[in-house]
Amino acid sequence: MILLSSGFAIVLEAWKIFKASKVTITKKFPYIQIEDKDTYAKSETKEYDEIALGYMKKAAIPMLLCYGGYSIFYIQHKSWYSFLLNTMVGCIYTFGFINMTP
């Protein structure tokens, strides 16, 4: 049952990508190229998305620097590697959220 629902979710997401984007499959690396459809590329929505993404990045970078400083002083880490890994994971989560925003 879990495999069936996961398989259906994968098929559904692939359908969404093919419906919303222009997908080109080639024999050279990177075998699949995904581009915006012309309707989105020429629309005002893309401009507004880029503006919103710029504001979100300007707000997120200082917050990530503060998070790194807070983490190094107030959270106990086993090593520098643990600190870097924890901070990078926080960055990935933050920028993942930013990319979903527009």
PDB file of N, CA and C in Angstrom:
ATOM      1  N   MET A   1       0.822  -1.184   0.000  1.00  0.00           N
ATOM      2  CA  MET A   1       0.000   0.000   0.000  1.00  0.00           C
ATOM      3  C   MET A   1       0.874   1.259   0.000  1.00  0.00           C
ATOM      4  N   ILE A   2       1.959   1.222   0.769  1.00  0.00           N
ATOM      5  CA  ILE A   2       2.858   2.374   0.822  1.00  0.00           C
ATOM      6  C   ILE A   2       3.538   2.566  -0.531  1.00  0.00           C
ATOM      7  N   LEU A   3       3.981   1.468  -1.139  1.00  0.00           N
ATOM      8  CA  LEU A   3       4.631   1.570  -2.447  1.00  0.00           C
ATOM      9  C   LEU A   3       3.670   2.089  -3.510  1.00  0.00           C
ATOM     10  N   LEU A   4       2.415   1.670  -3.433  1.00  0.00           N
ATOM     11  CA  LEU A   4       1.427   2.126  -4.397  1.00  0.00           C
ATOM     12  C   LEU A   4       1.191   3.633  -4.272  1.00  0.00           C
ATOM     13  N   SER A   5       1.043   4.117  -3.048  1.00  0.00           N
ATOM     14  CA  SER A   5       0.826   5.552  -2.866  1.00  0.00           C
ATOM     15  C   SER A   5       2.066   6.355  -3.248  1.00  0.00           C
ATOM     16  N   SER A   6       3.254   5.847  -2.948  1.00  0.00           N
ATOM     17  CA  SER A   6       4.486   6.545  -3.345  1.00  0.00           C
ATOM     18  C   SER A   6       4.645   6.550  -4.861  1.00  0.00           C
ATOM     19  N   GLY A   7       4.347   5.436  -5.502  1.00  0.00           N
ATOM     20  CA  GLY A   7       4.426   5.370  -6.963  1.00  0.00           C
ATOM     21  C   GLY A   7       3.446   6.322  -7.618  1.00  0.00           C
ATOM     22  N   PHE A   8       2.235   6.390  -7.089  1.00  0.00           N
ATOM     23  CA  PHE A   8       1.241   7.323  -7.622  1.00  0.00           C
ATOM     24  C   PHE A   8       1.700   8.758  -7.454  1.00  0.00           C
ATOM     25  N   ALA A   9       2.313   9.079  -6.295  1.00  0.00           N
ATOM     26  CA  ALA A   9       2.799  10.441  -6.056  1.00  0.00           C
ATOM     27  C   ALA A   9       3.906  10.805  -7.051  1.00  0.00           C
ATOM     28  N   ILE A  10       4.784   9.870  -7.362  1.00  0.00           N
ATOM     29  CA  ILE A  10       5.859  10.131  -8.324  1.00  0.00           C
ATOM     30  C   ILE A  10       5.279  10.385  -9.705  1.00  0.00           C
ATOM     31  N   VAL A  11       4.328   9.566 -10.114  1.00  0.00           N
ATOM     32  CA  VAL A  11       3.702   9.742 -11.424  1.00  0.00           C
ATOM     33  C   VAL A  11       2.977  11.083 -11.493  1.00  0.00           C
ATOM     34  N   LEU A  12       2.282  11.442 -10.430  1.00  0.00           N
ATOM     35  CA  LEU A  12       1.565  12.715 -10.384  1.00  0.00           C
ATOM     36  C   LEU A  12       2.522  13.900 -10.473  1.00  0.00           C
ATOM     37  N   GLU A  13       3.629  13.854  -9.747  1.00  0.00           N
ATOM     38  CA  GLU A  13       4.603  14.946  -9.800  1.00  0.00           C
ATOM     39  C   GLU A  13       5.245  15.044 -11.182  1.00  0.00           C
ATOM     40  N   ALA A  14       5.537  13.918 -11.806  1.00  0.00           N
ATOM     41  CA  ALA A  14       6.099  13.948 -13.163  1.00  0.00           C
ATOM     42  C   ALA A  14       5.100  14.566 -14.134  1.00  0.00           C
ATOM     43  N   TRP A  15       3.831  14.225 -13.995  1.00  0.00           N
ATOM     44  CA  TRP A  15       2.800  14.808 -14.855  1.00  0.00           C
ATOM     45  C   TRP A  15       2.741  16.322 -14.676  1.00  0.00           C
ATOM     46  N   LYS A  16       2.837  16.797 -13.433  1.00  0.00           N
ATOM     47  CA  LYS A  16       2.809  18.232 -13.164  1.00  0.00           C
ATOM     48  C   LYS A  16       3.987  18.935 -13.838  1.00  0.00           C
ATOM     49  N   ILE A  17       5.167  18.316 -13.749  1.00  0.00           N
ATOM     50  CA  ILE A  17       6.357  18.923 -14.362  1.00  0.00           C
ATOM     51  C   ILE A  17       6.194  19.011 -15.866  1.00  0.00           C
ATOM     52  N   PHE A  18       5.735  17.926 -16.491  1.00  0.00           N
ATOM     53  CA  PHE A  18       5.546  17.938 -17.943  1.00  0.00           C
ATOM     54  C   PHE A  18       4.456  18.917 -18.353  1.00  0.00           C
ATOM     55  N   LYS A  19       3.453  19.113 -17.532  1.00  0.00           N
ATOM     56  CA  LYS A  19       2.361  20.021 -17.851  1.00  0.00           C
ATOM     57  C   LYS A  19       2.780  21.494 -17.701  1.00  0.00           C
ATOM     58  N   ALA A  20       3.604  21.803 -16.700  1.00  0.00           N
ATOM     59  CA  ALA A  20       3.956  23.186 -16.414  1.00  0.00           C
ATOM     60  C   ALA A  20       5.247  23.654 -17.081  1.00  0.00           C
ATOM     61  N   SER A  21       6.060  22.718 -17.562  1.00  0.00           N
ATOM     62  CA  SER A  21       7.367  23.086 -18.115  1.00  0.00           C
ATOM     63  C   SER A  21       7.585  22.427 -19.461  1.00  0.00           C
ATOM     64  N   LYS A  22       8.586  22.924 -20.153  1.00  0.00           N
ATOM     65  CA  LYS A  22       9.000  22.321 -21.413  1.00  0.00           C
ATOM     66  C   LYS A  22      10.180  21.404 -21.104  1.00  0.00           C
ATOM     67  N   VAL A  23       9.966  20.103 -21.223  1.00  0.00           N
ATOM     68  CA  VAL A  23      10.981  19.106 -20.886  1.00  0.00           C
ATOM     69  C   VAL A  23      11.570  18.546 -22.171  1.00  0.00           C
ATOM     70  N   THR A  24      12.910  18.590 -22.262  1.00  0.00           N
ATOM     71  CA  THR A  24      13.611  18.070 -23.422  1.00  0.00           C
ATOM     72  C   THR A  24      14.555  16.970 -22.964  1.00  0.00           C
ATOM     73  N   ILE A  25      14.446  15.812 -23.596  1.00  0.00           N
ATOM     74  CA  ILE A  25      15.316  14.683 -23.274  1.00  0.00           C
ATOM     75  C   ILE A  25      16.353  14.547 -24.386  1.00  0.00           C
ATOM     76  N   THR A  26      17.644  14.557 -24.000  1.00  0.00           N
ATOM     77  CA  THR A  26      18.733  14.479 -24.969  1.00  0.00           C
ATOM     78  C   THR A  26      19.646  13.297 -24.644  1.00  0.00           C
ATOM     79  N   LYS A  27      20.562  13.001 -25.567  1.00  0.00           N
ATOM     80  CA  LYS A  27      21.515  11.915 -25.349  1.00  0.00           C
ATOM     81  C   LYS A  27      22.786  12.402 -24.665  1.00  0.00           C
ATOM     82  N   LYS A  28      22.963  13.726 -24.558  1.00  0.00           N
ATOM     83  CA  LYS A  28      24.135  14.304 -23.912  1.00  0.00           C
ATOM     84  C   LYS A  28      23.790  14.721 -22.485  1.00  0.00           C
ATOM     85  N   PHE A  29      24.815  14.809 -21.665  1.00  0.00           N
ATOM     86  CA  PHE A  29      24.627  15.279 -20.298  1.00  0.00           C
ATOM     87  C   PHE A  29      24.192  16.734 -20.318  1.00  0.00           C
ATOM     88  N   PRO A  30      23.281  17.185 -19.576  1.00  0.00           N
ATOM     89  CA  PRO A  30      22.457  16.600 -18.527  1.00  0.00           C
ATOM     90  C   PRO A  30      21.173  15.994 -19.046  1.00  0.00           C
ATOM     91  N   TYR A  31      21.106  14.947 -19.597  1.00  0.00           N
ATOM     92  CA  TYR A  31      20.068  14.173 -20.261  1.00  0.00           C
ATOM     93  C   TYR A  31      18.661  14.765 -20.270  1.00  0.00           C
ATOM     94  N   ILE A  32      18.278  15.478 -19.222  1.00  0.00           N
ATOM     95  CA  ILE A  32      16.949  16.102 -19.162  1.00  0.00           C
ATOM     96  C   ILE A  32      17.122  17.596 -18.920  1.00  0.00           C
ATOM     97  N   GLN A  33      16.499  18.409 -19.761  1.00  0.00           N
ATOM     98  CA  GLN A  33      16.522  19.864 -19.575  1.00  0.00           C
ATOM     99  C   GLN A  33      15.098  20.345 -19.351  1.00  0.00           C
ATOM    100  N   ILE A  34      14.917  21.097 -18.282  1.00  0.00           N
ATOM    101  CA  ILE A  34      13.595  21.607 -17.938  1.00  0.00           C
ATOM    102  C   ILE A  34      13.633  23.127 -18.060  1.00  0.00           C
ATOM    103  N   GLU A  35      12.748  23.680 -18.875  1.00  0.00           N
ATOM    104  CA  GLU A  35      12.676  25.124 -19.095  1.00  0.00           C
ATOM    105  C   GLU A  35      11.255  25.603 -18.851  1.00  0.00           C
ATOM    106  N   ASP A  36      11.124  26.889 -18.563  1.00  0.00           N
ATOM    107  CA  ASP A  36       9.798  27.478 -18.405  1.00  0.00           C
ATOM    108  C   ASP A  36       9.082  27.490 -19.743  1.00  0.00           C
ATOM    109  N   LYS A  37       7.785  27.299 -19.696  1.00  0.00           N
ATOM    110  CA  LYS A  37       7.001  27.459 -20.923  1.00  0.00           C
ATOM    111  C   LYS A  37       6.970  28.930 -21.300  1.00  0.00           C
ATOM    112  N   ASP A  38       6.733  29.204 -22.564  1.00  0.00           N
ATOM    113  CA  ASP A  38       6.754  30.578 -23.045  1.00  0.00           C
ATOM    114  C   ASP A  38       5.712  31.453 -22.356  1.00  0.00           C
ATOM    115  N   THR A  39       4.587  30.880 -21.979  1.00  0.00           N
ATOM    116  CA  THR A  39       3.539  31.682 -21.355  1.00  0.00           C
ATOM    117  C   THR A  39       3.996  32.234 -20.008  1.00  0.00           C
ATOM    118  N   TYR A  40       4.764  31.458 -19.256  1.00  0.00           N
ATOM    119  CA  TYR A  40       5.260  31.926 -17.958  1.00  0.00           C
ATOM    120  C   TYR A  40       6.455  32.849 -18.142  1.00  0.00           C
ATOM    121  N   ALA A  41       7.323  32.527 -19.080  1.00  0.00           N
ATOM    122  CA  ALA A  41       8.548  33.309 -19.282  1.00  0.00           C
ATOM    123  C   ALA A  41       8.239  34.744 -19.688  1.00  0.00           C
ATOM    124  N   LYS A  42       7.137  34.971 -20.377  1.00  0.00           N
ATOM    125  CA  LYS A  42       6.783  36.312 -20.845  1.00  0.00           C
ATOM    126  C   LYS A  42       5.774  37.019 -19.943  1.00  0.00           C
ATOM    127  N   SER A  43       5.363  36.392 -18.877  1.00  0.00           N
ATOM    128  CA  SER A  43       4.295  36.966 -18.058  1.00  0.00           C
ATOM    129  C   SER A  43       4.848  37.886 -16.970  1.00  0.00           C
ATOM    130  N   GLU A  44       3.966  38.671 -16.396  1.00  0.00           N
ATOM    131  CA  GLU A  44       4.328  39.540 -15.285  1.00  0.00           C
ATOM    132  C   GLU A  44       4.576  38.736 -14.022  1.00  0.00           C
ATOM    133  N   THR A  45       3.993  37.561 -13.942  1.00  0.00           N
ATOM    134  CA  THR A  45       4.154  36.727 -12.761  1.00  0.00           C
ATOM    135  C   THR A  45       5.619  36.393 -12.527  1.00  0.00           C
ATOM    136  N   LYS A  46       6.353  36.110 -13.581  1.00  0.00           N
ATOM    137  CA  LYS A  46       7.766  35.785 -13.432  1.00  0.00           C
ATOM    138  C   LYS A  46       8.533  36.972 -12.851  1.00  0.00           C
ATOM    139  N   GLU A  47       8.205  38.181 -13.297  1.00  0.00           N
ATOM    140  CA  GLU A  47       8.862  39.372 -12.756  1.00  0.00           C
ATOM    141  C   GLU A  47       8.586  39.513 -11.265  1.00  0.00           C
ATOM    142  N   TYR A  48       7.333  39.330 -10.872  1.00  0.00           N
ATOM    143  CA  TYR A  48       6.974  39.451  -9.463  1.00  0.00           C
ATOM    144  C   TYR A  48       7.621  38.341  -8.635  1.00  0.00           C
ATOM    145  N   ASP A  49       7.717  37.149  -9.191  1.00  0.00           N
ATOM    146  CA  ASP A  49       8.387  36.056  -8.494  1.00  0.00           C
ATOM    147  C   ASP A  49       9.852  36.382  -8.248  1.00  0.00           C
ATOM    148  N   GLU A  50      10.524  36.950  -9.240  1.00  0.00           N
ATOM    149  CA  GLU A  50      11.936  37.304  -9.081  1.00  0.00           C
ATOM    150  C   GLU A  50      12.122  38.414  -8.055  1.00  0.00           C
ATOM    151  N   ILE A  51      11.210  39.374  -8.022  1.00  0.00           N
ATOM    152  CA  ILE A  51      11.288  40.448  -7.028  1.00  0.00           C
ATOM    153  C   ILE A  51      11.097  39.876  -5.622  1.00  0.00           C
ATOM    154  N   ALA A  52      10.092  39.026  -5.454  1.00  0.00           N
ATOM    155  CA  ALA A  52       9.830  38.417  -4.143  1.00  0.00           C
ATOM    156  C   ALA A  52      10.995  37.555  -3.696  1.00  0.00           C
ATOM    157  N   LEU A  53      11.578  36.799  -4.617  1.00  0.00           N
ATOM    158  CA  LEU A  53      12.714  35.945  -4.287  1.00  0.00           C
ATOM    159  C   LEU A  53      13.912  36.799  -3.855  1.00  0.00           C
ATOM    160  N   GLY A  54      14.114  37.936  -4.507  1.00  0.00           N
ATOM    161  CA  GLY A  54      15.204  38.837  -4.119  1.00  0.00           C
ATOM    162  C   GLY A  54      15.025  39.368  -2.703  1.00  0.00           C
ATOM    163  N   TYR A  55      13.804  39.784  -2.352  1.00  0.00           N
ATOM    164  CA  TYR A  55      13.544  40.271  -1.000  1.00  0.00           C
ATOM    165  C   TYR A  55      13.718  39.163   0.035  1.00  0.00           C
ATOM    166  N   MET A  56      13.259  37.971  -0.294  1.00  0.00           N
ATOM    167  CA  MET A  56      13.395  36.860   0.649  1.00  0.00           C
ATOM    168  C   MET A  56      14.864  36.507   0.887  1.00  0.00           C
ATOM    169  N   LYS A  57      15.671  36.548  -0.172  1.00  0.00           N
ATOM    170  CA  LYS A  57      17.096  36.252  -0.005  1.00  0.00           C
ATOM    171  C   LYS A  57      17.778  37.324   0.839  1.00  0.00           C
ATOM    172  N   LYS A  58      17.402  38.593   0.615  1.00  0.00           N
ATOM    173  CA  LYS A  58      17.998  39.680   1.400  1.00  0.00           C
ATOM    174  C   LYS A  58      17.642  39.559   2.877  1.00  0.00           C
ATOM    175  N   ALA A  59      16.486  39.027   3.177  1.00  0.00           N
ATOM    176  CA  ALA A  59      16.085  38.848   4.570  1.00  0.00           C
ATOM    177  C   ALA A  59      16.685  37.585   5.169  1.00  0.00           C
ATOM    178  N   ALA A  60      16.872  36.548   4.352  1.00  0.00           N
ATOM    179  CA  ALA A  60      17.304  35.258   4.881  1.00  0.00           C
ATOM    180  C   ALA A  60      18.799  35.205   5.173  1.00  0.00           C
ATOM    181  N   ILE A  61      19.611  35.872   4.378  1.00  0.00           N
ATOM    182  CA  ILE A  61      21.062  35.778   4.574  1.00  0.00           C
ATOM    183  C   ILE A  61      21.488  36.314   5.950  1.00  0.00           C
ATOM    184  N   PRO A  62      21.022  37.489   6.385  1.00  0.00           N
ATOM    185  CA  PRO A  62      21.384  37.919   7.747  1.00  0.00           C
ATOM    186  C   PRO A  62      20.842  36.971   8.829  1.00  0.00           C
ATOM    187  N   MET A  63      19.657  36.428   8.614  1.00  0.00           N
ATOM    188  CA  MET A  63      19.117  35.488   9.588  1.00  0.00           C
ATOM    189  C   MET A  63      19.968  34.230   9.674  1.00  0.00           C
ATOM    190  N   LEU A  64      20.475  33.746   8.539  1.00  0.00           N
ATOM    191  CA  LEU A  64      21.333  32.561   8.551  1.00  0.00           C
ATOM    192  C   LEU A  64      22.661  32.853   9.246  1.00  0.00           C
ATOM    193  N   LEU A  65      23.210  34.039   9.033  1.00  0.00           N
ATOM    194  CA  LEU A  65      24.442  34.404   9.723  1.00  0.00           C
ATOM    195  C   LEU A  65      24.218  34.479  11.233  1.00  0.00           C
ATOM    196  N   CYS A  66      23.093  35.048  11.637  1.00  0.00           N
ATOM    197  CA  CYS A  66      22.755  35.094  13.068  1.00  0.00           C
ATOM    198  C   CYS A  66      22.545  33.694  13.624  1.00  0.00           C
ATOM    199  N   TYR A  67      21.906  32.835  12.844  1.00  0.00           N
ATOM    200  CA  TYR A  67      21.702  31.450  13.280  1.00  0.00           C
ATOM    201  C   TYR A  67      23.045  30.743  13.469  1.00  0.00           C
ATOM    202  N   GLY A  68      23.982  30.971  12.551  1.00  0.00           N
ATOM    203  CA  GLY A  68      25.308  30.368  12.689  1.00  0.00           C
ATOM    204  C   GLY A  68      26.025  30.859  13.932  1.00  0.00           C
ATOM    205  N   GLY A  69      25.935  32.165  14.197  1.00  0.00           N
ATOM    206  CA  GLY A  69      26.540  32.715  15.410  1.00  0.00           C
ATOM    207  C   GLY A  69      25.895  32.178  16.672  1.00  0.00           C
ATOM    208  N   TYR A  70      24.571  32.120  16.675  1.00  0.00           N
ATOM    209  CA  TYR A  70      23.856  31.560  17.820  1.00  0.00           C
ATOM    210  C   TYR A  70      24.252  30.103  18.033  1.00  0.00           C
ATOM    211  N   SER A  71      24.333  29.357  16.954  1.00  0.00           N
ATOM    212  CA  SER A  71      24.649  27.943  17.045  1.00  0.00           C
ATOM    213  C   SER A  71      26.048  27.716  17.609  1.00  0.00           C
ATOM    214  N   ILE A  72      26.995  28.522  17.173  1.00  0.00           N
ATOM    215  CA  ILE A  72      28.370  28.306  17.627  1.00  0.00           C
ATOM    216  C   ILE A  72      28.544  28.660  19.111  1.00  0.00           C
ATOM    217  N   PHE A  73      27.762  29.630  19.617  1.00  0.00           N
ATOM    218  CA  PHE A  73      27.927  30.047  21.003  1.00  0.00           C
ATOM    219  C   PHE A  73      27.003  29.335  21.988  1.00  0.00           C
ATOM    220  N   TYR A  74      25.813  28.939  21.569  1.00  0.00           N
ATOM    221  CA  TYR A  74      24.828  28.439  22.531  1.00  0.00           C
ATOM    222  C   TYR A  74      24.446  26.969  22.363  1.00  0.00           C
ATOM    223  N   ILE A  75      24.782  26.353  21.246  1.00  0.00           N
ATOM    224  CA  ILE A  75      24.458  24.943  21.047  1.00  0.00           C
ATOM    225  C   ILE A  75      25.747  24.144  21.119  1.00  0.00           C
ATOM    226  N   GLN A  76      25.722  23.092  21.901  1.00  0.00           N
ATOM    227  CA  GLN A  76      26.924  22.283  22.069  1.00  0.00           C
ATOM    228  C   GLN A  76      27.078  21.317  20.896  1.00  0.00           C
ATOM    229  N   HIS A  77      28.228  21.364  20.241  1.00  0.00           N
ATOM    230  CA  HIS A  77      28.536  20.489  19.113  1.00  0.00           C
ATOM    231  C   HIS A  77      29.716  19.597  19.484  1.00  0.00           C
ATOM    232  N   LYS A  78      29.766  18.422  18.887  1.00  0.00           N
ATOM    233  CA  LYS A  78      30.857  17.499  19.176  1.00  0.00           C
ATOM    234  C   LYS A  78      32.154  17.907  18.488  1.00  0.00           C
ATOM    235  N   SER A  79      32.020  18.547  17.322  1.00  0.00           N
ATOM    236  CA  SER A  79      33.214  18.949  16.577  1.00  0.00           C
ATOM    237  C   SER A  79      32.837  20.072  15.612  1.00  0.00           C
ATOM    238  N   TRP A  80      33.852  20.606  14.928  1.00  0.00           N
ATOM    239  CA  TRP A  80      33.598  21.617  13.907  1.00  0.00           C
ATOM    240  C   TRP A  80      32.802  21.038  12.755  1.00  0.00           C
ATOM    241  N   TYR A  81      33.071  19.788  12.466  1.00  0.00           N
ATOM    242  CA  TYR A  81      32.328  19.112  11.402  1.00  0.00           C
ATOM    243  C   TYR A  81      30.842  19.069  11.739  1.00  0.00           C
ATOM    244  N   SER A  82      30.526  18.757  12.984  1.00  0.00           N
ATOM    245  CA  SER A  82      29.127  18.718  13.419  1.00  0.00           C
ATOM    246  C   SER A  82      28.492  20.101  13.322  1.00  0.00           C
ATOM    247  N   PHE A  83      29.236  21.130  13.717  1.00  0.00           N
ATOM    248  CA  PHE A  83      28.727  22.501  13.615  1.00  0.00           C
ATOM    249  C   PHE A  83      28.456  22.871  12.160  1.00  0.00           C
ATOM    250  N   LEU A  84      29.418  22.612  11.269  1.00  0.00           N
ATOM    251  CA  LEU A  84      29.243  22.951   9.855  1.00  0.00           C
ATOM    252  C   LEU A  84      28.081  22.188   9.237  1.00  0.00           C
ATOM    253  N   LEU A  85      27.972  20.915   9.550  1.00  0.00           N
ATOM    254  CA  LEU A  85      26.889  20.111   9.001  1.00  0.00           C
ATOM    255  C   LEU A  85      25.531  20.608   9.479  1.00  0.00           C
ATOM    256  N   ASN A  86      25.436  20.930  10.763  1.00  0.00           N
ATOM    257  CA  ASN A  86      24.179  21.435  11.322  1.00  0.00           C
ATOM    258  C   ASN A  86      23.808  22.780  10.698  1.00  0.00           C
ATOM    259  N   THR A  87      24.778  23.657  10.523  1.00  0.00           N
ATOM    260  CA  THR A  87      24.515  24.968   9.932  1.00  0.00           C
ATOM    261  C   THR A  87      24.125  24.844   8.462  1.00  0.00           C
ATOM    262  N   MET A  88      24.800  23.971   7.722  1.00  0.00           N
ATOM    263  CA  MET A  88      24.466  23.779   6.307  1.00  0.00           C
ATOM    264  C   MET A  88      23.064  23.208   6.138  1.00  0.00           C
ATOM    265  N   VAL A  89      22.661  22.312   7.019  1.00  0.00           N
ATOM    266  CA  VAL A  89      21.304  21.768   6.958  1.00  0.00           C
ATOM    267  C   VAL A  89      20.284  22.876   7.203  1.00  0.00           C
ATOM    268  N   GLY A  90      20.565  23.764   8.147  1.00  0.00           N
ATOM    269  CA  GLY A  90      19.684  24.908   8.379  1.00  0.00           C
ATOM    270  C   GLY A  90      19.580  25.801   7.156  1.00  0.00           C
ATOM    271  N   CYS A  91      20.712  25.998   6.463  1.00  0.00           N
ATOM    272  CA  CYS A  91      20.713  26.799   5.233  1.00  0.00           C
ATOM    273  C   CYS A  91      19.874  26.132   4.145  1.00  0.00           C
ATOM    274  N   ILE A  92      20.017  24.847   3.998  1.00  0.00           N
ATOM    275  CA  ILE A  92      19.250  24.122   2.978  1.00  0.00           C
ATOM    276  C   ILE A  92      17.758  24.229   3.257  1.00  0.00           C
ATOM    277  N   TYR A  93      17.368  24.055   4.508  1.00  0.00           N
ATOM    278  CA  TYR A  93      15.953  24.172   4.852  1.00  0.00           C
ATOM    279  C   TYR A  93      15.437  25.590   4.579  1.00  0.00           C
ATOM    280  N   THR A  94      16.232  26.593   4.926  1.00  0.00           N
ATOM    281  CA  THR A  94      15.806  27.978   4.734  1.00  0.00           C
ATOM    282  C   THR A  94      15.647  28.310   3.262  1.00  0.00           C
ATOM    283  N   PHE A  95      16.648  27.978   2.450  1.00  0.00           N
ATOM    284  CA  PHE A  95      16.558  28.312   1.036  1.00  0.00           C
ATOM    285  C   PHE A  95      15.536  27.431   0.312  1.00  0.00           C
ATOM    286  N   GLY A  96      15.271  26.250   0.824  1.00  0.00           N
ATOM    287  CA  GLY A  96      14.168  25.445   0.285  1.00  0.00           C
ATOM    288  C   GLY A  96      12.837  26.121   0.526  1.00  0.00           C
ATOM    289  N   PHE A  97      12.691  26.701   1.721  1.00  0.00           N
ATOM    290  CA  PHE A  97      11.461  27.443   2.023  1.00  0.00           C
ATOM    291  C   PHE A  97      11.341  28.663   1.130  1.00  0.00           C
ATOM    292  N   ILE A  98      12.455  29.358   0.910  1.00  0.00           N
ATOM    293  CA  ILE A  98      12.431  30.555   0.065  1.00  0.00           C
ATOM    294  C   ILE A  98      12.042  30.197  -1.357  1.00  0.00           C
ATOM    295  N   ASN A  99      12.550  29.103  -1.871  1.00  0.00           N
ATOM    296  CA  ASN A  99      12.220  28.711  -3.240  1.00  0.00           C
ATOM    297  C   ASN A  99      10.757  28.300  -3.392  1.00  0.00           C
ATOM    298  N   MET A 100      10.127  27.868  -2.321  1.00  0.00           N
ATOM    299  CA  MET A 100       8.707  27.521  -2.396  1.00  0.00           C
ATOM    300  C   MET A 100       7.803  28.743  -2.247  1.00  0.00           C
ATOM    301  N   THR A 101       8.326  29.845  -1.729  1.00  0.00           N
ATOM    302  CA  THR A 101       7.506  31.002  -1.420  1.00  0.00           C
ATOM    303  C   THR A 101       6.777  31.611  -2.611  1.00  0.00           C
ATOM    304  N   PRO A 102       7.459  31.959  -3.719  1.00  0.00           N
ATOM    305  CA  PRO A 102       6.704  32.602  -4.798  1.00  0.00           C
ATOM    306  C   PRO A 102       5.762  31.622  -5.408  1.00  0.00           C
TER     307      PRO A 102
END
